[in-house]
Protein backbone atom coordinates (compact mmCIF):
# COMPACT_ATOMS: atom_id res chain seq x y z
CA MET A 1 80.20 117.48 128.87
CA ARG A 2 83.81 116.44 128.41
CA SER A 3 84.78 112.82 129.07
CA LEU A 4 87.00 111.84 131.98
CA ALA A 5 89.65 110.65 129.52
CA ALA A 6 90.01 114.19 128.21
CA VAL A 7 90.08 115.81 131.68
CA ASP A 8 92.19 113.39 133.75
CA VAL A 9 93.90 110.63 131.79
CA SER A 10 95.63 108.98 134.78
CA ARG A 11 92.35 108.77 136.75
CA PHE A 12 90.52 107.44 133.67
CA LEU A 13 93.12 104.69 133.18
CA LYS A 14 93.10 103.80 136.88
CA GLU A 15 89.32 103.40 136.98
CA LYS A 16 89.39 101.42 133.75
CA ARG A 17 91.97 99.02 135.22
CA GLU A 18 89.88 98.69 138.40
CA ARG A 19 86.76 97.83 136.37
CA LYS A 20 88.65 95.23 134.36
CA ALA A 21 90.13 93.73 137.52
CA PHE A 22 86.68 93.58 139.14
CA ARG A 23 85.19 91.82 136.11
CA ARG A 24 88.13 89.41 135.99
CA ASN A 25 87.82 88.59 139.70
CA HIS A 26 84.06 88.21 139.37
CA ARG A 27 84.52 85.72 136.52
CA LYS A 28 86.99 83.75 138.64
CA TRP A 29 84.58 83.79 141.60
CA ARG A 30 81.67 82.70 139.43
CA ALA A 31 83.74 79.91 137.87
CA ALA A 32 84.90 78.73 141.30
CA SER A 33 81.34 78.91 142.63
CA ASN A 34 80.00 76.97 139.65
CA GLN A 35 82.77 74.40 140.06
CA SER A 36 81.96 74.04 143.75
CA ASP A 37 78.24 73.66 142.99
CA GLN A 38 78.98 71.12 140.27
CA GLU A 39 81.19 69.09 142.61
CA GLU A 40 78.41 69.03 145.21
CA ILE A 41 75.84 68.08 142.56
CA ASP A 42 78.16 65.30 141.37
CA ALA A 43 78.56 64.04 144.94
CA HIS A 44 74.79 63.84 145.46
CA TYR A 45 74.18 62.38 142.00
CA GLY A 46 76.79 59.68 142.56
CA GLU A 47 78.94 57.75 140.13
CA HIS A 48 75.68 56.38 138.81
CA SER A 49 72.32 57.99 139.39
CA THR A 50 71.01 57.28 142.88
CA VAL A 51 67.49 57.10 141.46
CA ILE A 52 68.47 54.57 138.79
CA ARG A 53 70.30 52.43 141.37
CA LEU A 54 67.31 52.49 143.70
CA LEU A 55 64.94 51.43 140.94
CA ALA A 56 67.30 48.68 139.70
CA ASP A 57 67.36 47.35 143.29
CA GLY A 58 70.29 44.95 142.96
CA LEU A 59 69.65 43.90 139.36
CA VAL A 60 72.69 43.96 137.06
CA PRO A 61 72.87 45.06 133.41
CA SER A 62 72.12 42.42 130.80
CA ALA A 63 75.03 40.79 128.97
CA ARG A 64 74.00 42.53 125.75
CA ALA A 65 74.06 45.96 127.38
CA VAL A 66 77.47 45.32 128.91
CA ARG A 67 78.99 43.87 125.73
CA LYS A 68 77.68 46.42 123.22
CA ARG A 69 76.88 49.34 125.52
CA ARG A 70 73.50 49.40 123.78
CA VAL A 71 70.33 49.48 125.86
CA ILE A 72 67.06 48.20 124.38
CA PHE A 73 63.82 48.70 126.31
CA GLU A 74 60.75 46.75 125.23
CA ALA A 75 57.67 48.04 127.03
CA PRO A 76 54.94 45.49 127.80
CA GLU A 77 51.59 45.63 126.01
CA ASN A 78 49.86 46.86 129.16
CA PHE A 79 52.32 49.51 130.33
CA SER A 80 50.26 50.93 133.17
CA ILE A 81 51.00 51.58 136.84
CA ILE A 82 47.30 51.45 137.71
CA GLU A 83 46.21 48.42 135.67
CA ASN A 84 49.37 46.30 135.50
CA PRO A 85 51.83 47.46 138.19
CA ASP A 86 53.80 44.20 138.52
CA GLU A 87 54.77 43.88 134.87
CA CYS A 88 55.12 47.64 134.40
CA LEU A 89 57.51 48.10 137.33
CA ASP A 90 59.41 44.94 136.48
CA ALA A 91 60.08 46.29 132.98
CA LEU A 92 61.17 49.68 134.35
CA ARG A 93 63.46 48.04 136.90
CA ARG A 94 65.15 45.99 134.17
CA LEU A 95 65.61 49.14 132.11
CA ALA A 96 67.14 50.85 135.14
CA ALA A 97 69.58 47.94 135.55
CA ASP A 98 70.68 48.19 131.90
CA LEU A 99 71.14 51.96 132.28
CA LEU A 100 73.82 51.26 134.89
CA VAL A 101 76.10 50.06 132.11
CA GLU A 102 79.21 52.20 131.78
CA LYS A 103 78.73 55.02 129.24
CA PRO A 104 75.97 53.58 127.02
CA ARG A 105 76.39 54.46 123.34
CA SER A 106 72.76 54.08 122.29
CA ILE A 107 69.37 53.61 123.93
CA HIS A 108 66.27 52.32 122.11
CA ILE A 109 62.85 52.91 123.71
CA ASN A 110 60.38 50.59 121.99
CA LEU A 111 56.77 51.38 122.83
CA GLY A 112 55.49 49.78 119.64
CA LYS A 113 53.60 46.95 121.35
CA VAL A 114 51.96 49.19 123.95
CA LYS A 115 48.14 49.22 123.90
CA GLN A 116 47.53 50.49 127.43
CA TYR A 117 49.68 53.33 128.77
CA ASP A 118 49.20 55.72 131.67
CA VAL A 119 50.86 58.81 133.03
CA GLY A 120 52.32 56.85 135.98
CA ALA A 121 54.39 54.58 133.73
CA ASN A 122 55.24 57.54 131.51
CA ALA A 123 56.50 59.67 134.42
CA ILE A 124 58.85 57.01 135.83
CA LEU A 125 60.22 56.32 132.36
CA ASP A 126 60.75 60.07 131.94
CA VAL A 127 62.84 60.22 135.11
CA LEU A 128 65.11 57.41 133.90
CA VAL A 129 65.59 59.19 130.57
CA ALA A 130 66.32 62.50 132.33
CA GLU A 131 68.89 60.89 134.64
CA VAL A 132 70.81 59.30 131.76
CA SER A 133 70.69 62.53 129.77
CA PHE A 134 72.02 64.51 132.74
CA LYS A 135 74.90 62.07 133.18
CA ALA A 136 75.82 62.25 129.49
CA ARG A 137 75.78 66.06 129.46
CA LYS A 138 77.91 66.14 132.59
CA GLU A 139 80.50 63.91 130.91
CA ARG A 140 80.22 65.81 127.59
CA ARG A 141 79.35 62.76 125.55
CA LYS A 142 76.44 61.91 123.28
CA VAL A 143 73.94 59.10 123.54
CA ARG A 144 72.09 58.00 120.41
CA TRP A 145 68.39 57.78 121.24
CA THR A 146 65.97 55.88 119.03
CA GLY A 147 62.47 54.57 119.61
CA GLN A 148 59.13 53.43 118.34
CA TYR A 149 55.72 54.92 119.03
CA PRO A 150 52.60 52.92 119.92
CA ALA A 151 50.14 52.46 117.05
CA ASP A 152 47.35 54.22 118.97
CA LYS A 153 47.29 57.93 118.06
CA LYS A 154 46.10 58.91 121.54
CA LEU A 155 49.09 57.20 123.19
CA LYS A 156 51.42 58.71 120.61
CA ARG A 157 50.12 62.17 121.53
CA LEU A 158 50.90 61.53 125.20
CA ILE A 159 54.50 60.59 124.42
CA ARG A 160 54.98 63.59 122.14
CA ALA A 161 53.34 66.05 124.55
CA LEU A 162 54.58 64.82 127.91
CA GLY A 163 56.84 61.78 127.51
CA VAL A 164 60.27 60.83 126.21
CA ILE A 165 60.07 63.23 123.25
CA LYS A 166 59.70 66.19 125.60
CA LYS A 167 62.44 64.96 127.94
CA LEU A 168 64.88 64.65 125.06
CA GLN A 169 63.69 67.97 123.58
CA ILE A 170 63.15 66.49 120.11
CA VAL A 171 61.37 69.64 118.96
CA HIS A 172 60.41 68.45 115.47
CA GLU A 173 58.34 65.65 117.09
CA TYR A 174 56.34 67.96 119.36
CA PRO A 175 52.57 68.13 118.70
CA GLU A 176 51.49 70.69 116.12
CA PRO A 177 49.87 73.82 117.63
CA GLU A 178 46.35 72.75 116.58
CA GLU A 179 46.91 69.35 118.18
CA ALA A 180 48.51 70.77 121.35
CA ALA A 181 45.57 73.15 121.79
CA LYS A 182 43.38 70.19 122.78
CA LEU A 183 45.84 68.92 125.40
CA GLU A 184 46.50 69.92 129.01
CA ALA A 185 49.94 68.77 130.19
CA PHE A 186 51.90 69.41 133.38
CA ASP A 187 55.32 68.12 134.41
CA ASP A 188 57.65 69.14 137.22
CA ARG A 189 60.31 67.45 139.28
CA CYS A 190 62.44 68.23 142.30
CA ARG A 191 65.79 66.48 141.80
CA HIS A 192 67.60 65.57 145.01
CA TYR A 193 71.04 66.51 143.68
CA MET A 194 69.81 69.98 142.65
CA ARG A 195 67.83 70.60 145.82
CA ALA A 196 70.95 69.91 147.88
CA VAL A 197 72.80 72.77 146.19
CA ARG A 198 70.44 75.43 144.87
CA LEU A 199 68.63 77.62 147.36
CA THR A 200 66.04 78.47 144.70
CA GLU A 201 64.77 74.89 144.99
CA VAL A 202 63.77 75.30 148.64
CA ASP A 203 60.46 76.99 147.84
CA LYS A 204 59.74 74.72 144.88
CA LYS A 205 56.83 72.93 146.57
CA SER A 206 54.70 76.05 146.94
CA ARG A 207 55.36 77.12 143.34
CA VAL A 208 54.54 73.68 141.98
CA THR A 209 51.31 73.34 143.95
CA GLN A 210 50.07 76.67 142.58
CA GLN A 211 51.11 75.80 139.02
CA PHE A 212 49.49 72.38 139.29
CA ALA A 213 46.27 74.00 140.52
CA ASP A 214 46.40 76.17 137.39
CA HIS A 215 46.79 73.01 135.28
CA LEU A 216 43.72 71.38 136.82
CA SER A 217 41.79 74.61 136.46
CA GLY A 218 42.57 74.44 132.75
CA CYS A 219 41.25 70.87 132.64
CA LEU A 220 37.97 71.86 134.31
CA GLU A 221 37.51 74.88 132.09
CA ARG A 222 37.28 72.43 129.19
CA VAL A 223 33.86 71.45 130.56
CA GLY A 224 32.85 74.94 131.62
CA ARG A 225 33.74 74.44 135.28
CA GLN A 226 36.08 76.21 137.64
CA PHE A 227 37.38 75.85 141.18
CA THR A 228 35.96 77.99 143.92
CA PRO A 229 38.70 79.79 145.89
CA ALA A 230 38.06 77.39 148.76
CA ALA A 231 38.39 74.33 146.52
CA ARG A 232 41.61 75.62 145.00
CA HIS A 233 42.97 76.24 148.50
CA LEU A 234 42.12 72.67 149.54
CA LEU A 235 43.76 71.22 146.43
CA CYS A 236 46.97 73.14 147.08
CA ARG A 237 46.91 72.10 150.72
CA TYR A 238 46.49 68.40 149.91
CA ILE A 239 49.17 68.40 147.21
CA GLY A 240 51.48 70.40 149.46
CA GLU A 241 50.98 67.97 152.33
CA ILE A 242 51.83 64.99 150.13
CA LEU A 243 55.00 66.70 148.86
CA ASP A 244 55.90 67.73 152.44
CA ASN A 245 55.53 64.11 153.53
CA ALA A 246 57.67 62.97 150.61
CA GLU A 247 60.51 65.27 151.64
CA GLU A 248 60.19 64.73 155.39
CA HIS A 249 59.80 60.96 155.44
CA ALA A 250 61.61 59.66 152.36
CA GLY A 251 65.16 60.61 153.33
CA MET A 252 65.86 62.19 149.92
CA MET A 253 64.23 65.11 148.15
CA ASP A 254 63.38 63.67 144.77
CA TRP A 255 59.74 63.91 143.75
CA SER A 256 57.81 64.30 140.52
CA ILE A 257 54.31 65.33 139.52
CA GLN A 258 52.65 65.00 136.11
CA GLY A 259 49.14 65.74 134.92
CA TYR A 260 47.52 65.14 131.53
CA LEU A 261 44.22 65.53 129.71
CA ASP A 262 43.59 64.72 126.03
CA THR A 263 40.33 66.14 124.63
CA HIS A 264 40.72 64.88 121.07
CA ARG A 265 38.25 62.08 121.62
CA ALA A 266 35.99 60.81 124.39
CA PRO A 267 36.12 59.64 127.09
CA TRP A 268 37.99 62.57 128.64
CA VAL A 269 40.09 61.35 131.55
CA CYS A 270 42.33 63.52 133.73
CA GLU A 271 45.45 61.64 134.80
CA ILE A 272 47.71 62.62 137.67
CA VAL A 273 50.75 60.98 139.19
CA LEU A 274 52.84 62.04 142.17
CA PHE A 275 55.81 59.95 143.24
CA ASN A 276 58.97 60.19 145.28
CA PHE A 277 62.08 58.10 145.71
CA GLY A 278 63.44 57.12 149.11
CA LYS A 279 62.04 55.32 152.13
CA THR A 280 58.72 53.52 151.77
CA PHE A 281 55.81 53.81 154.21
CA SER A 282 56.70 50.51 155.83
CA GLN A 283 60.39 51.42 156.19
CA ASN A 284 59.44 54.58 158.07
CA PHE A 285 57.28 52.58 160.49
CA ARG A 286 59.98 49.94 160.97
CA ASP A 287 62.52 52.66 161.77
CA LEU A 288 60.48 54.04 164.67
CA ASP A 289 62.01 53.84 168.14
CA SER A 290 60.71 51.06 170.35
CA ASP A 291 59.16 53.57 172.74
CA SER A 292 57.55 55.63 169.96
CA TYR A 293 53.89 56.56 170.45
CA THR A 294 53.00 55.59 166.88
CA ARG A 295 54.90 52.29 167.07
CA ASP A 296 53.04 51.40 170.25
CA MET A 297 49.73 52.37 168.64
CA ILE A 298 50.19 50.20 165.53
CA SER A 299 51.81 47.23 167.30
CA ARG A 300 48.41 45.93 168.39
CA TYR A 301 47.40 45.45 164.75
CA VAL A 302 50.60 43.58 163.94
CA GLU A 303 50.16 41.37 167.00
CA SER A 304 46.53 40.72 166.11
CA HIS A 305 47.38 39.62 162.56
CA SER A 306 50.23 37.47 163.85
CA LYS A 307 48.05 35.70 166.43
CA LYS A 308 45.38 35.01 163.82
CA GLN A 309 48.09 33.71 161.46
CA LEU A 310 46.90 36.10 158.76
CA PHE A 311 50.37 36.83 157.45
CA LYS A 312 51.14 34.82 154.32
CA LYS A 313 53.26 35.28 151.23
CA SER A 314 50.55 37.51 149.78
CA TRP A 315 50.07 39.55 152.98
CA ASN A 316 52.96 40.52 155.24
CA PRO A 317 53.70 43.08 157.97
CA ASP A 318 55.03 45.62 155.45
CA ASP A 319 51.68 45.52 153.65
CA LEU A 320 49.91 46.11 156.96
CA TYR A 321 52.20 49.04 157.82
CA THR A 322 51.38 50.62 154.46
CA LEU A 323 47.66 50.17 155.02
CA ILE A 324 47.88 51.67 158.51
CA ALA A 325 49.77 54.66 157.13
CA LEU A 326 46.64 55.65 155.17
CA GLN A 327 44.43 55.97 158.23
CA GLN A 328 43.40 59.40 159.40
CA HIS A 329 45.67 60.89 162.07
CA VAL A 330 48.30 58.15 161.70
CA SER A 331 51.82 59.42 161.09
CA THR A 332 55.34 58.55 162.19
CA LYS A 333 55.56 62.22 163.20
CA ASN A 334 52.78 61.95 165.78
CA TYR A 335 54.17 61.81 169.31
CA THR A 336 51.03 61.91 171.46
CA LYS A 337 47.36 61.02 171.07
CA ASP A 338 46.62 64.72 170.58
CA ASP A 339 48.77 64.97 167.42
CA THR A 340 46.67 64.87 164.27
CA ARG A 341 49.08 64.58 161.34
CA GLY A 342 48.34 62.04 158.62
CA ASN A 343 45.45 62.94 156.29
CA GLY A 344 46.80 63.94 152.90
CA THR A 345 46.53 60.86 150.69
CA TYR A 346 42.91 59.98 151.29
CA ASP A 347 41.85 63.63 151.49
CA LEU A 348 43.22 64.03 147.97
CA MET A 349 41.24 61.05 146.68
CA MET A 350 38.04 62.35 148.27
CA PHE A 351 38.69 65.73 146.70
CA PHE A 352 38.92 64.24 143.23
CA GLU A 353 35.80 62.16 143.80
CA ARG A 354 33.91 65.37 144.57
CA VAL A 355 35.34 67.09 141.50
CA CYS A 356 34.41 64.08 139.38
CA SER A 357 30.84 63.99 140.68
CA GLU A 358 30.43 67.62 139.58
CA CYS A 359 31.91 67.08 136.12
CA LEU A 360 30.66 63.64 135.10
CA ALA A 361 27.41 63.02 133.29
CA GLU A 362 24.80 60.90 135.05
CA GLY A 363 24.87 57.22 134.17
CA SER A 364 28.53 57.21 133.09
CA ALA A 365 30.28 53.87 133.47
CA LEU A 366 33.58 55.57 134.33
CA ASN A 367 34.61 56.15 137.93
CA PRO A 368 37.61 57.80 139.55
CA ILE A 369 40.36 55.37 140.46
CA MET A 370 43.57 55.71 142.42
CA THR A 371 46.50 53.37 143.02
CA LEU A 372 49.06 53.81 145.75
CA ILE A 373 52.28 51.80 145.55
CA SER A 374 54.92 51.87 148.26
CA GLY A 375 57.66 49.27 148.27
CA GLY A 376 56.03 45.97 147.38
CA THR A 377 52.51 46.98 148.44
CA ARG A 378 49.78 48.11 146.08
CA ILE A 379 46.50 49.63 147.31
CA LEU A 380 43.61 50.22 144.91
CA PHE A 381 40.95 52.88 145.63
CA ASP A 382 37.99 52.30 143.32
CA GLY A 383 35.04 53.36 145.46
CA ARG A 384 34.11 49.93 146.82
CA TYR A 385 35.50 50.79 150.26
CA ARG A 386 35.34 54.19 151.90
CA MET A 387 36.76 55.86 154.96
CA LYS A 388 34.37 55.87 157.93
CA PRO A 389 34.77 57.28 161.45
CA ASN A 390 35.63 54.86 164.23
CA GLY A 391 34.53 55.14 167.86
CA ALA A 392 37.07 57.88 168.51
CA GLY A 393 35.97 59.89 165.49
CA SER A 394 39.05 59.21 163.36
CA GLY A 395 38.57 58.05 159.77
CA VAL A 396 39.36 54.39 159.05
CA ILE A 397 39.49 52.54 155.75
CA ALA A 398 40.36 48.87 156.23
CA PHE A 399 39.25 47.59 152.79
CA ASN A 400 37.05 44.85 154.25
CA ASP A 401 33.31 44.60 154.91
CA ALA A 402 33.72 45.13 158.66
CA ASN A 403 36.08 48.10 158.13
CA ASP A 404 38.27 46.53 160.80
CA LEU A 405 42.06 46.85 160.70
CA HIS A 406 42.34 43.72 162.84
CA GLN A 407 41.00 41.74 159.88
CA LYS A 408 42.73 41.00 156.60
CA PRO A 409 41.78 43.40 153.79
CA ASP A 410 40.21 42.43 150.48
CA PRO A 411 43.12 41.06 148.39
CA THR A 412 41.75 42.73 145.27
CA SER A 413 42.17 46.13 146.97
CA VAL A 414 45.30 45.64 149.08
CA MET A 415 47.86 43.27 147.64
CA HIS A 416 51.51 42.33 147.82
CA MET A 417 53.23 42.51 144.45
CA ASP A 418 55.09 39.32 143.63
CA SER A 419 58.05 40.39 141.55
CA ALA A 420 58.20 44.18 141.58
CA THR A 421 58.78 46.92 144.09
CA PHE A 422 59.07 50.69 143.95
CA PRO A 423 61.78 52.44 146.03
CA GLY A 424 59.49 55.11 147.41
CA THR A 425 55.81 55.88 146.91
CA VAL A 426 53.66 56.33 143.78
CA LEU A 427 50.20 57.87 143.85
CA SER A 428 48.45 57.56 140.48
CA ILE A 429 44.96 58.95 139.85
CA LYS A 430 42.50 58.88 136.96
CA PHE A 431 39.20 60.70 137.08
CA PRO A 432 36.83 61.27 134.16
CA ILE A 433 35.17 64.51 133.19
CA SER A 434 32.28 64.62 130.75
CA ALA A 435 32.95 65.93 127.26
CA GLU A 436 29.17 66.34 126.81
CA GLN A 437 29.08 68.99 129.54
CA ALA A 438 31.55 71.18 127.65
CA THR A 439 28.65 72.82 125.79
CA THR A 440 25.89 72.45 128.37
CA VAL A 441 27.37 73.50 131.71
CA PRO A 442 27.69 77.24 132.43
CA SER A 443 31.14 78.56 133.35
CA THR A 444 29.87 79.52 136.78
CA GLY A 445 29.90 75.87 137.91
CA THR A 446 31.88 75.54 141.12
CA PRO A 447 32.97 72.07 142.28
CA SER A 448 33.88 72.09 145.93
């Protein structure tokens, strides 16, 4: 078959010019579209990262950071959201403040003194690192990153598999394949400045919940267990509800989820953290209209605590609002007594308690534990207090012996943090699974 160039030269040249013009116009359109997207991303990101500014919460960069444009972060010995939230968040907030310095030249992350480290602290640190890296790439400049690992090999593995090393893509520091084979790691984030622009981000929640369910399935398979279809469905529903709440209530769509399991040495502990930036639980309740059904419903508890003079420095109305937000069927999005939104957080904890009971050897000293932090309030779920139905059949957990929301909760379970706050909500969970069962439990086990 003869080519068009040999049959009709003028037509061949015309079509060739049209193809070239189309490609040229398409490149211009794509460049303009990318420029428009980038401008919108820049607008939502801000001159400085919105997330970093929220976490710094009015703090200013240290004199050293301003003078030398060199940021040095010294993590505390107990760098844990669950065990030491005040000192952990205070350190992260001070790092965030230093990261506001104009065009930092170098950043040193010193984890050398760390002896206790959890995925919650790791995940928030990761976000700060990612935000600075994004800003530097956007401005086409380099930041010199240095750091120091903890002495503990288990903590070092976490940082190499899921932490700063992964965020900075320092490939030569990644775990070796044999080492990585004994780890289960999950990390995903919805960034508010990307979600505002890219339509592909809209369905991110459903993808992440399914992928996270796969991650937990991998953790359970280490001990010869697996989710039933019903259990997997419940897990996805609970995670999805928490992420829905984060986007609907927080006022910005920036959330993260990390999961981790290290099976190199016992005890085996699954760690999970979900957190979002934006409005806290108490801010959402304070913003309710005066004639709101939910505001009217919770006002009796505030009045009761006020009359009994229960509010002190260590217990204030914001702490009470946060506690009330955990009760079954309590939500700022309920408009009548027949509305039943508001179950996700505690449902998720109960789910992991059931999983843990299936996977933990009898007589183990380890128990599942969960910490919720919103604003300046920290709530610890450690099994001492449980949700029970009230007279109307709704679940209540008041964290006191009477299980009465009109009484002050146990200060070791519900507390006001003195010097640290989080600009949003953090949910951090640890639950053990038994390494001994890895060789004794058949793969047909089905936690519900």
